[in-house]
């Protein structure tokens, strides 16, 4: 307790204070749906360059060479991070406050979902390179924060009449 006439001690807010779980969930869902769509577009565009195999289907070897292509991996990383920023933007905009914090937690949620999906899919015969995995997990939270910050900038009144 505090003495009479003395103001109470300043306490830091809790880590989840002021956050909207629904807004965070919305951002994570938007991120994952956008990532799925972007992945389909990327695979389609990159495999269109290679052309289908003799039976009209892509061979496992063609998909494996695509998954080890630095150009494809970099495009996938950029697209995935852009999708996380989009999720951070949508979720933080929905929350209407603490934009960067909401975006950061959307990044955390997206990283957890990605980790759970990779663990549930079983062993991968041709896993992506370590640099790709590390870059994805290290940049997902900053990407969400960026989306949240952009939502905050967008929500600010412009001052023009």
C-alpha atoms as a PDB file:
ATOM      1  CA  UNK A   1       0.000   0.000   0.000  1.00  0.00           C
ATOM      2  CA  UNK A   2       1.048   3.599  -0.207  1.00  0.00           C
ATOM      3  CA  UNK A   3       1.114   6.321   2.393  1.00  0.00           C
ATOM      4  CA  UNK A   4      -1.675   8.925   2.405  1.00  0.00           C
ATOM      5  CA  UNK A   5      -0.772  11.935   0.290  1.00  0.00           C
ATOM      6  CA  UNK A   6       1.724   9.944  -1.766  1.00  0.00           C
ATOM      7  CA  UNK A   7       0.881   8.821  -5.290  1.00  0.00           C
ATOM      8  CA  UNK A   8       0.859   5.080  -5.958  1.00  0.00           C
ATOM      9  CA  UNK A   9       3.945   3.537  -7.521  1.00  0.00           C
ATOM     10  CA  UNK A  10       4.013   3.367 -11.282  1.00  0.00           C
ATOM     11  CA  UNK A  11       3.494  -0.176 -12.492  1.00  0.00           C
ATOM     12  CA  UNK A  12       4.222  -1.409 -15.953  1.00  0.00           C
ATOM     13  CA  UNK A  13       1.203  -2.719 -17.803  1.00  0.00           C
ATOM     14  CA  UNK A  14       0.992  -6.461 -18.320  1.00  0.00           C
ATOM     15  CA  UNK A  15       2.246  -7.973 -21.539  1.00  0.00           C
ATOM     16  CA  UNK A  16      -1.315  -8.682 -22.730  1.00  0.00           C
ATOM     17  CA  UNK A  17      -2.942  -5.517 -21.358  1.00  0.00           C
ATOM     18  CA  UNK A  18      -4.980  -3.730 -24.003  1.00  0.00           C
ATOM     19  CA  UNK A  19      -4.726  -6.487 -26.597  1.00  0.00           C
ATOM     20  CA  UNK A  20      -7.669  -7.888 -28.510  1.00  0.00           C
ATOM     21  CA  UNK A  21      -7.451 -11.681 -28.911  1.00  0.00           C
ATOM     22  CA  UNK A  22     -10.028 -11.574 -31.720  1.00  0.00           C
ATOM     23  CA  UNK A  23      -8.004  -9.019 -33.661  1.00  0.00           C
ATOM     24  CA  UNK A  24      -4.856 -11.124 -33.223  1.00  0.00           C
ATOM     25  CA  UNK A  25      -6.682 -14.266 -34.362  1.00  0.00           C
ATOM     26  CA  UNK A  26      -8.062 -12.384 -37.375  1.00  0.00           C
ATOM     27  CA  UNK A  27      -4.551 -11.238 -38.301  1.00  0.00           C
ATOM     28  CA  UNK A  28      -3.144 -14.767 -38.023  1.00  0.00           C
ATOM     29  CA  UNK A  29      -5.969 -16.153 -40.184  1.00  0.00           C
ATOM     30  CA  UNK A  30      -5.473 -13.410 -42.803  1.00  0.00           C
ATOM     31  CA  UNK A  31      -1.728 -14.121 -42.821  1.00  0.00           C
ATOM     32  CA  UNK A  32      -2.179 -17.859 -43.302  1.00  0.00           C
ATOM     33  CA  UNK A  33      -4.843 -17.541 -46.010  1.00  0.00           C
ATOM     34  CA  UNK A  34      -2.786 -14.934 -47.875  1.00  0.00           C
ATOM     35  CA  UNK A  35       0.326 -17.113 -47.544  1.00  0.00           C
ATOM     36  CA  UNK A  36      -1.550 -20.104 -48.966  1.00  0.00           C
ATOM     37  CA  UNK A  37      -2.741 -18.047 -51.933  1.00  0.00           C
ATOM     38  CA  UNK A  38       0.702 -16.509 -52.496  1.00  0.00           C
ATOM     39  CA  UNK A  39       2.295 -19.973 -52.353  1.00  0.00           C
ATOM     40  CA  UNK A  40      -0.071 -21.261 -55.021  1.00  0.00           C
ATOM     41  CA  UNK A  41       0.703 -18.272 -57.247  1.00  0.00           C
ATOM     42  CA  UNK A  42       4.462 -18.652 -56.746  1.00  0.00           C
ATOM     43  CA  UNK A  43       4.524 -22.390 -57.416  1.00  0.00           C
ATOM     44  CA  UNK A  44       2.324 -21.941 -60.475  1.00  0.00           C
ATOM     45  CA  UNK A  45       4.418 -19.118 -61.908  1.00  0.00           C
ATOM     46  CA  UNK A  46       7.767 -20.796 -61.238  1.00  0.00           C
ATOM     47  CA  UNK A  47       6.665 -24.187 -62.560  1.00  0.00           C
ATOM     48  CA  UNK A  48       5.151 -22.596 -65.669  1.00  0.00           C
ATOM     49  CA  UNK A  49       8.703 -21.636 -66.646  1.00  0.00           C
ATOM     50  CA  UNK A  50       9.831 -25.270 -66.403  1.00  0.00           C
ATOM     51  CA  UNK A  51       6.864 -26.666 -68.270  1.00  0.00           C
ATOM     52  CA  UNK A  52       5.002 -29.852 -67.436  1.00  0.00           C
ATOM     53  CA  UNK A  53       6.543 -33.285 -67.769  1.00  0.00           C
ATOM     54  CA  UNK A  54       5.726 -35.713 -70.594  1.00  0.00           C
ATOM     55  CA  UNK A  55       2.524 -36.858 -68.870  1.00  0.00           C
ATOM     56  CA  UNK A  56       1.343 -33.267 -68.253  1.00  0.00           C
ATOM     57  CA  UNK A  57       2.183 -33.421 -64.534  1.00  0.00           C
ATOM     58  CA  UNK A  58       5.101 -31.967 -62.687  1.00  0.00           C
ATOM     59  CA  UNK A  59       7.567 -34.592 -61.593  1.00  0.00           C
ATOM     60  CA  UNK A  60       8.799 -34.906 -58.027  1.00  0.00           C
ATOM     61  CA  UNK A  61      12.266 -34.029 -59.294  1.00  0.00           C
ATOM     62  CA  UNK A  62      10.967 -30.781 -60.807  1.00  0.00           C
ATOM     63  CA  UNK A  63       9.271 -29.807 -57.548  1.00  0.00           C
ATOM     64  CA  UNK A  64      12.385 -30.748 -55.577  1.00  0.00           C
ATOM     65  CA  UNK A  65      14.618 -28.612 -57.808  1.00  0.00           C
ATOM     66  CA  UNK A  66      12.139 -25.760 -57.431  1.00  0.00           C
ATOM     67  CA  UNK A  67      12.219 -26.071 -53.635  1.00  0.00           C
ATOM     68  CA  UNK A  68      16.025 -25.846 -53.667  1.00  0.00           C
ATOM     69  CA  UNK A  69      16.152 -22.888 -56.066  1.00  0.00           C
ATOM     70  CA  UNK A  70      17.518 -19.768 -54.334  1.00  0.00           C
ATOM     71  CA  UNK A  71      15.320 -17.564 -56.521  1.00  0.00           C
ATOM     72  CA  UNK A  72      12.161 -19.441 -55.528  1.00  0.00           C
ATOM     73  CA  UNK A  73      13.122 -19.552 -51.838  1.00  0.00           C
ATOM     74  CA  UNK A  74      13.820 -15.819 -51.758  1.00  0.00           C
ATOM     75  CA  UNK A  75      10.535 -15.056 -53.531  1.00  0.00           C
ATOM     76  CA  UNK A  76       8.724 -17.321 -51.055  1.00  0.00           C
ATOM     77  CA  UNK A  77      10.373 -15.610 -48.091  1.00  0.00           C
ATOM     78  CA  UNK A  78       9.465 -12.128 -49.336  1.00  0.00           C
ATOM     79  CA  UNK A  79       5.892 -13.186 -50.153  1.00  0.00           C
ATOM     80  CA  UNK A  80       5.449 -14.881 -46.772  1.00  0.00           C
ATOM     81  CA  UNK A  81       6.740 -11.856 -44.870  1.00  0.00           C
ATOM     82  CA  UNK A  82       4.505  -9.563 -46.934  1.00  0.00           C
ATOM     83  CA  UNK A  83       1.546 -11.770 -45.999  1.00  0.00           C
ATOM     84  CA  UNK A  84       2.495 -11.498 -42.319  1.00  0.00           C
ATOM     85  CA  UNK A  85       2.640  -7.711 -42.678  1.00  0.00           C
ATOM     86  CA  UNK A  86      -0.807  -7.823 -44.276  1.00  0.00           C
ATOM     87  CA  UNK A  87      -2.094  -9.917 -41.369  1.00  0.00           C
ATOM     88  CA  UNK A  88      -0.497  -7.479 -38.907  1.00  0.00           C
ATOM     89  CA  UNK A  89      -2.114  -4.566 -40.718  1.00  0.00           C
ATOM     90  CA  UNK A  90      -5.594  -6.124 -40.799  1.00  0.00           C
ATOM     91  CA  UNK A  91      -5.484  -7.342 -37.194  1.00  0.00           C
ATOM     92  CA  UNK A  92      -4.058  -4.118 -35.770  1.00  0.00           C
ATOM     93  CA  UNK A  93      -6.519  -2.059 -37.765  1.00  0.00           C
ATOM     94  CA  UNK A  94      -9.347  -4.170 -36.374  1.00  0.00           C
ATOM     95  CA  UNK A  95      -8.019  -3.685 -32.827  1.00  0.00           C
ATOM     96  CA  UNK A  96      -7.830   0.077 -33.281  1.00  0.00           C
ATOM     97  CA  UNK A  97      -5.134   0.546 -30.609  1.00  0.00           C
ATOM     98  CA  UNK A  98      -1.662  -0.663 -29.658  1.00  0.00           C
ATOM     99  CA  UNK A  99      -1.018  -1.200 -33.338  1.00  0.00           C
ATOM    100  CA  UNK A 100       2.618  -2.344 -33.161  1.00  0.00           C
ATOM    101  CA  UNK A 101       1.929  -4.667 -30.206  1.00  0.00           C
ATOM    102  CA  UNK A 102      -0.983  -6.270 -32.024  1.00  0.00           C
ATOM    103  CA  UNK A 103       1.171  -6.692 -35.129  1.00  0.00           C
ATOM    104  CA  UNK A 104       3.943  -8.283 -33.072  1.00  0.00           C
ATOM    105  CA  UNK A 105       1.576 -10.769 -31.462  1.00  0.00           C
ATOM    106  CA  UNK A 106       0.145 -11.587 -34.877  1.00  0.00           C
ATOM    107  CA  UNK A 107       3.723 -12.376 -35.949  1.00  0.00           C
ATOM    108  CA  UNK A 108       4.132 -14.624 -32.899  1.00  0.00           C
ATOM    109  CA  UNK A 109       0.837 -16.385 -33.674  1.00  0.00           C
ATOM    110  CA  UNK A 110       1.843 -16.897 -37.288  1.00  0.00           C
ATOM    111  CA  UNK A 111       5.218 -18.321 -36.255  1.00  0.00           C
ATOM    112  CA  UNK A 112       3.514 -20.750 -33.871  1.00  0.00           C
ATOM    113  CA  UNK A 113       1.084 -21.872 -36.591  1.00  0.00           C
ATOM    114  CA  UNK A 114       3.971 -22.340 -39.050  1.00  0.00           C
ATOM    115  CA  UNK A 115       5.935 -24.345 -36.506  1.00  0.00           C
ATOM    116  CA  UNK A 116       2.941 -26.552 -35.677  1.00  0.00           C
ATOM    117  CA  UNK A 117       2.264 -27.162 -39.370  1.00  0.00           C
ATOM    118  CA  UNK A 118       5.882 -28.099 -40.040  1.00  0.00           C
ATOM    119  CA  UNK A 119       5.938 -30.461 -37.057  1.00  0.00           C
ATOM    120  CA  UNK A 120       2.639 -32.103 -37.996  1.00  0.00           C
ATOM    121  CA  UNK A 121       3.631 -32.740 -41.606  1.00  0.00           C
ATOM    122  CA  UNK A 122       6.192 -35.346 -40.590  1.00  0.00           C
ATOM    123  CA  UNK A 123       9.764 -35.653 -41.798  1.00  0.00           C
ATOM    124  CA  UNK A 124      10.541 -33.726 -44.963  1.00  0.00           C
ATOM    125  CA  UNK A 125      12.724 -35.681 -47.426  1.00  0.00           C
ATOM    126  CA  UNK A 126      14.180 -32.423 -48.756  1.00  0.00           C
ATOM    127  CA  UNK A 127      13.981 -29.777 -46.018  1.00  0.00           C
ATOM    128  CA  UNK A 128      14.601 -26.141 -46.948  1.00  0.00           C
ATOM    129  CA  UNK A 129      18.043 -24.678 -46.250  1.00  0.00           C
ATOM    130  CA  UNK A 130      18.806 -23.455 -42.746  1.00  0.00           C
ATOM    131  CA  UNK A 131      19.175 -19.819 -43.881  1.00  0.00           C
ATOM    132  CA  UNK A 132      15.608 -19.902 -45.200  1.00  0.00           C
ATOM    133  CA  UNK A 133      14.188 -21.333 -41.966  1.00  0.00           C
ATOM    134  CA  UNK A 134      16.159 -18.915 -39.774  1.00  0.00           C
ATOM    135  CA  UNK A 135      15.282 -15.861 -41.858  1.00  0.00           C
ATOM    136  CA  UNK A 136      11.603 -16.788 -41.802  1.00  0.00           C
ATOM    137  CA  UNK A 137      11.419 -17.252 -38.046  1.00  0.00           C
ATOM    138  CA  UNK A 138      13.634 -14.236 -37.242  1.00  0.00           C
ATOM    139  CA  UNK A 139      11.728 -11.835 -39.499  1.00  0.00           C
ATOM    140  CA  UNK A 140       8.122 -12.919 -38.887  1.00  0.00           C
ATOM    141  CA  UNK A 141       7.640 -10.785 -35.746  1.00  0.00           C
ATOM    142  CA  UNK A 142       9.216  -7.641 -37.278  1.00  0.00           C
ATOM    143  CA  UNK A 143       7.010  -8.177 -40.349  1.00  0.00           C
ATOM    144  CA  UNK A 144       3.910  -8.288 -38.138  1.00  0.00           C
ATOM    145  CA  UNK A 145       5.065  -5.189 -36.260  1.00  0.00           C
ATOM    146  CA  UNK A 146       5.592  -3.397 -39.585  1.00  0.00           C
ATOM    147  CA  UNK A 147       2.013  -4.209 -40.586  1.00  0.00           C
ATOM    148  CA  UNK A 148       0.786  -2.948 -37.218  1.00  0.00           C
ATOM    149  CA  UNK A 149       2.786   0.272 -37.556  1.00  0.00           C
ATOM    150  CA  UNK A 150       1.359   0.841 -41.032  1.00  0.00           C
ATOM    151  CA  UNK A 151      -2.134   0.366 -39.612  1.00  0.00           C
ATOM    152  CA  UNK A 152      -1.323   2.950 -36.933  1.00  0.00           C
ATOM    153  CA  UNK A 153      -0.082   5.424 -39.537  1.00  0.00           C
ATOM    154  CA  UNK A 154      -3.186   4.837 -41.609  1.00  0.00           C
ATOM    155  CA  UNK A 155      -5.445   5.327 -38.557  1.00  0.00           C
ATOM    156  CA  UNK A 156      -3.864   8.667 -37.617  1.00  0.00           C
ATOM    157  CA  UNK A 157      -5.831  11.724 -38.658  1.00  0.00           C
ATOM    158  CA  UNK A 158      -4.008  13.515 -41.429  1.00  0.00           C
ATOM    159  CA  UNK A 159      -4.575  17.010 -40.053  1.00  0.00           C
ATOM    160  CA  UNK A 160      -5.819  18.253 -43.421  1.00  0.00           C
ATOM    161  CA  UNK A 161      -9.270  19.721 -43.586  1.00  0.00           C
END
